[in-house]
Amino acid sequence: MIPPVRTCVGCGRKAPQPELLRFTAREGHLVPGRQEPGRGAYTCPRLACWERALAGRGFNRVLRRNVRIDPDLARLYTGR
């Protein structure tokens, strides 16, 4: 079976869903997780895409609401 294709909110690249990191909004906060319910926003697993999504307010646009973003989520991209 072919996995669904999603678009990175940072760079706009289309990729199979398993290759991207998924985020959702929970109680006004951005949370990572594949199993989280609700609308999802995806990024490539590169720090540059994360930073671009933040700068362009991509998460707010795709999730259709304002979300607070914890800067510590960048550790998902840096491994720290």
N, C-alpha and C. Protein backbone atom coordinates (compact mmCIF):
# COMPACT_ATOMS: atom_id res chain seq x y z
N MET A 1 0.84 -1.19 0.00
CA MET A 1 0.00 0.00 0.00
C MET A 1 0.88 1.25 0.00
N ILE A 2 0.50 2.23 -0.76
CA ILE A 2 1.26 3.48 -0.86
C ILE A 2 0.84 4.40 0.29
N PRO A 3 1.83 4.91 1.05
CA PRO A 3 1.48 5.81 2.16
C PRO A 3 0.97 7.15 1.63
N PRO A 4 0.12 7.85 2.41
CA PRO A 4 -0.37 9.16 1.98
C PRO A 4 0.77 10.17 1.88
N VAL A 5 0.60 11.14 1.02
CA VAL A 5 1.60 12.19 0.81
C VAL A 5 1.15 13.43 1.59
N ARG A 6 2.08 14.06 2.29
CA ARG A 6 1.81 15.28 3.05
C ARG A 6 2.81 16.35 2.63
N THR A 7 2.51 17.60 2.97
CA THR A 7 3.36 18.74 2.60
C THR A 7 4.01 19.34 3.83
N CYS A 8 5.30 19.60 3.75
CA CYS A 8 6.04 20.23 4.84
C CYS A 8 5.61 21.69 4.95
N VAL A 9 5.26 22.13 6.18
CA VAL A 9 4.84 23.52 6.36
C VAL A 9 6.02 24.48 6.31
N GLY A 10 7.24 23.96 6.35
CA GLY A 10 8.42 24.81 6.28
C GLY A 10 8.86 25.08 4.85
N CYS A 11 9.14 24.00 4.11
CA CYS A 11 9.71 24.17 2.77
C CYS A 11 8.71 23.92 1.64
N GLY A 12 7.57 23.29 1.95
CA GLY A 12 6.58 23.01 0.93
C GLY A 12 6.82 21.73 0.15
N ARG A 13 7.83 20.97 0.51
CA ARG A 13 8.14 19.71 -0.17
C ARG A 13 7.06 18.67 0.15
N LYS A 14 6.64 17.93 -0.85
CA LYS A 14 5.68 16.84 -0.64
C LYS A 14 6.47 15.56 -0.43
N ALA A 15 6.06 14.77 0.58
CA ALA A 15 6.77 13.55 0.90
C ALA A 15 5.79 12.54 1.50
N PRO A 16 6.14 11.24 1.46
CA PRO A 16 5.31 10.24 2.12
C PRO A 16 5.19 10.56 3.61
N GLN A 17 4.02 10.38 4.16
CA GLN A 17 3.74 10.73 5.56
C GLN A 17 4.76 10.17 6.55
N PRO A 18 5.22 8.93 6.42
CA PRO A 18 6.18 8.41 7.41
C PRO A 18 7.53 9.13 7.44
N GLU A 19 7.87 9.87 6.40
CA GLU A 19 9.15 10.59 6.35
C GLU A 19 9.10 11.93 7.09
N LEU A 20 7.91 12.39 7.48
CA LEU A 20 7.76 13.71 8.07
C LEU A 20 7.41 13.62 9.55
N LEU A 21 7.66 14.70 10.28
CA LEU A 21 7.27 14.80 11.69
C LEU A 21 5.91 15.47 11.76
N ARG A 22 5.03 14.92 12.59
CA ARG A 22 3.66 15.44 12.68
C ARG A 22 3.45 16.18 13.99
N PHE A 23 2.72 17.29 13.91
CA PHE A 23 2.37 18.10 15.08
C PHE A 23 0.88 18.38 15.06
N THR A 24 0.29 18.53 16.24
CA THR A 24 -1.10 18.92 16.37
C THR A 24 -1.20 20.00 17.44
N ALA A 25 -2.39 20.58 17.57
CA ALA A 25 -2.64 21.57 18.61
C ALA A 25 -3.45 20.89 19.72
N ARG A 26 -2.95 21.01 20.95
CA ARG A 26 -3.69 20.49 22.09
C ARG A 26 -3.72 21.57 23.15
N GLU A 27 -4.92 22.02 23.50
CA GLU A 27 -5.12 23.05 24.51
C GLU A 27 -4.27 24.29 24.24
N GLY A 28 -4.17 24.67 22.97
CA GLY A 28 -3.45 25.88 22.60
C GLY A 28 -1.95 25.75 22.48
N HIS A 29 -1.42 24.52 22.62
CA HIS A 29 0.02 24.27 22.52
C HIS A 29 0.30 23.32 21.37
N LEU A 30 1.43 23.53 20.72
CA LEU A 30 1.87 22.64 19.66
C LEU A 30 2.49 21.40 20.29
N VAL A 31 2.01 20.21 19.90
CA VAL A 31 2.55 18.96 20.44
C VAL A 31 2.90 18.02 19.29
N PRO A 32 4.03 17.31 19.43
CA PRO A 32 4.41 16.34 18.40
C PRO A 32 3.70 15.02 18.63
N GLY A 33 3.57 14.24 17.59
CA GLY A 33 3.04 12.90 17.77
C GLY A 33 2.19 12.41 16.62
N ARG A 34 2.47 11.20 16.19
CA ARG A 34 1.72 10.57 15.11
C ARG A 34 0.31 10.17 15.57
N GLN A 35 0.17 9.80 16.83
CA GLN A 35 -1.10 9.27 17.31
C GLN A 35 -2.02 10.34 17.90
N GLU A 36 -1.57 11.59 17.92
CA GLU A 36 -2.40 12.66 18.47
C GLU A 36 -3.62 12.86 17.57
N PRO A 37 -4.80 13.04 18.17
CA PRO A 37 -5.99 13.25 17.35
C PRO A 37 -6.05 14.67 16.79
N GLY A 38 -6.82 14.84 15.74
CA GLY A 38 -7.05 16.17 15.19
C GLY A 38 -6.22 16.49 13.97
N ARG A 39 -6.37 17.71 13.53
CA ARG A 39 -5.67 18.21 12.35
C ARG A 39 -4.17 18.21 12.59
N GLY A 40 -3.41 17.82 11.59
CA GLY A 40 -1.97 17.73 11.74
C GLY A 40 -1.22 18.68 10.81
N ALA A 41 -0.05 19.08 11.26
CA ALA A 41 0.88 19.87 10.45
C ALA A 41 2.18 19.09 10.41
N TYR A 42 2.82 19.03 9.26
CA TYR A 42 4.00 18.20 9.07
C TYR A 42 5.21 19.04 8.69
N THR A 43 6.39 18.57 9.14
CA THR A 43 7.65 19.18 8.69
C THR A 43 8.62 18.08 8.31
N CYS A 44 9.55 18.43 7.44
CA CYS A 44 10.67 17.54 7.14
C CYS A 44 11.50 17.41 8.42
N PRO A 45 12.27 16.35 8.57
CA PRO A 45 13.08 16.21 9.78
C PRO A 45 14.38 17.03 9.75
N ARG A 46 14.29 18.26 9.26
CA ARG A 46 15.45 19.15 9.19
C ARG A 46 15.17 20.40 10.00
N LEU A 47 16.16 20.86 10.73
CA LEU A 47 16.02 22.06 11.56
C LEU A 47 15.62 23.27 10.72
N ALA A 48 16.14 23.37 9.50
CA ALA A 48 15.81 24.51 8.63
C ALA A 48 14.31 24.58 8.35
N CYS A 49 13.66 23.44 8.19
CA CYS A 49 12.22 23.42 7.93
C CYS A 49 11.45 23.85 9.17
N TRP A 50 11.90 23.43 10.34
CA TRP A 50 11.28 23.84 11.61
C TRP A 50 11.35 25.35 11.75
N GLU A 51 12.55 25.91 11.54
CA GLU A 51 12.74 27.35 11.69
C GLU A 51 11.91 28.13 10.67
N ARG A 52 11.82 27.62 9.47
CA ARG A 52 11.04 28.30 8.44
C ARG A 52 9.55 28.27 8.77
N ALA A 53 9.08 27.14 9.30
CA ALA A 53 7.67 27.03 9.69
C ALA A 53 7.35 28.01 10.82
N LEU A 54 8.28 28.18 11.75
CA LEU A 54 8.08 29.14 12.84
C LEU A 54 8.05 30.56 12.31
N ALA A 55 9.03 30.90 11.49
CA ALA A 55 9.15 32.27 10.97
C ALA A 55 7.95 32.65 10.11
N GLY A 56 7.43 31.71 9.34
CA GLY A 56 6.31 32.00 8.46
C GLY A 56 4.95 31.72 9.08
N ARG A 57 4.94 31.43 10.38
CA ARG A 57 3.69 31.11 11.09
C ARG A 57 2.94 29.96 10.42
N GLY A 58 3.70 29.02 9.87
CA GLY A 58 3.12 27.89 9.15
C GLY A 58 2.24 26.99 10.01
N PHE A 59 2.65 26.78 11.26
CA PHE A 59 1.84 25.91 12.13
C PHE A 59 0.48 26.53 12.40
N ASN A 60 0.44 27.83 12.69
CA ASN A 60 -0.83 28.51 12.94
C ASN A 60 -1.73 28.45 11.70
N ARG A 61 -1.14 28.64 10.55
CA ARG A 61 -1.91 28.65 9.30
C ARG A 61 -2.51 27.26 9.02
N VAL A 62 -1.69 26.24 9.09
CA VAL A 62 -2.15 24.89 8.75
C VAL A 62 -3.10 24.33 9.81
N LEU A 63 -2.83 24.60 11.07
CA LEU A 63 -3.69 24.10 12.13
C LEU A 63 -4.95 24.95 12.32
N ARG A 64 -4.99 26.08 11.63
CA ARG A 64 -6.15 26.99 11.65
C ARG A 64 -6.46 27.53 13.04
N ARG A 65 -5.41 27.77 13.81
CA ARG A 65 -5.57 28.38 15.14
C ARG A 65 -4.20 28.83 15.62
N ASN A 66 -4.20 29.74 16.57
CA ASN A 66 -2.95 30.19 17.15
C ASN A 66 -2.51 29.18 18.20
N VAL A 67 -1.27 28.76 18.10
CA VAL A 67 -0.73 27.81 19.06
C VAL A 67 0.55 28.36 19.68
N ARG A 68 0.76 28.05 20.94
CA ARG A 68 2.02 28.40 21.59
C ARG A 68 3.03 27.32 21.27
N ILE A 69 4.23 27.75 20.91
CA ILE A 69 5.24 26.80 20.48
C ILE A 69 6.41 26.86 21.44
N ASP A 70 6.68 25.74 22.08
CA ASP A 70 7.78 25.61 23.01
C ASP A 70 9.09 25.52 22.21
N PRO A 71 10.04 26.43 22.43
CA PRO A 71 11.31 26.38 21.70
C PRO A 71 12.07 25.08 21.90
N ASP A 72 11.78 24.37 22.99
CA ASP A 72 12.46 23.09 23.25
C ASP A 72 12.08 22.01 22.24
N LEU A 73 11.02 22.22 21.46
CA LEU A 73 10.64 21.24 20.44
C LEU A 73 11.71 21.13 19.36
N ALA A 74 12.58 22.11 19.25
CA ALA A 74 13.66 22.06 18.26
C ALA A 74 14.59 20.87 18.53
N ARG A 75 14.56 20.34 19.75
CA ARG A 75 15.40 19.18 20.06
C ARG A 75 15.03 17.96 19.21
N LEU A 76 13.81 17.92 18.70
CA LEU A 76 13.40 16.83 17.82
C LEU A 76 14.24 16.80 16.55
N TYR A 77 14.79 17.94 16.18
CA TYR A 77 15.57 18.06 14.94
C TYR A 77 17.07 18.00 15.20
N THR A 78 17.48 18.39 16.40
CA THR A 78 18.91 18.43 16.69
C THR A 78 19.38 17.21 17.46
N GLY A 79 18.45 16.48 18.06
CA GLY A 79 18.82 15.29 18.82
C GLY A 79 19.34 15.60 20.21
N ARG A 80 19.21 16.85 20.66
CA ARG A 80 19.72 17.24 21.99
C ARG A 80 18.60 17.37 22.98
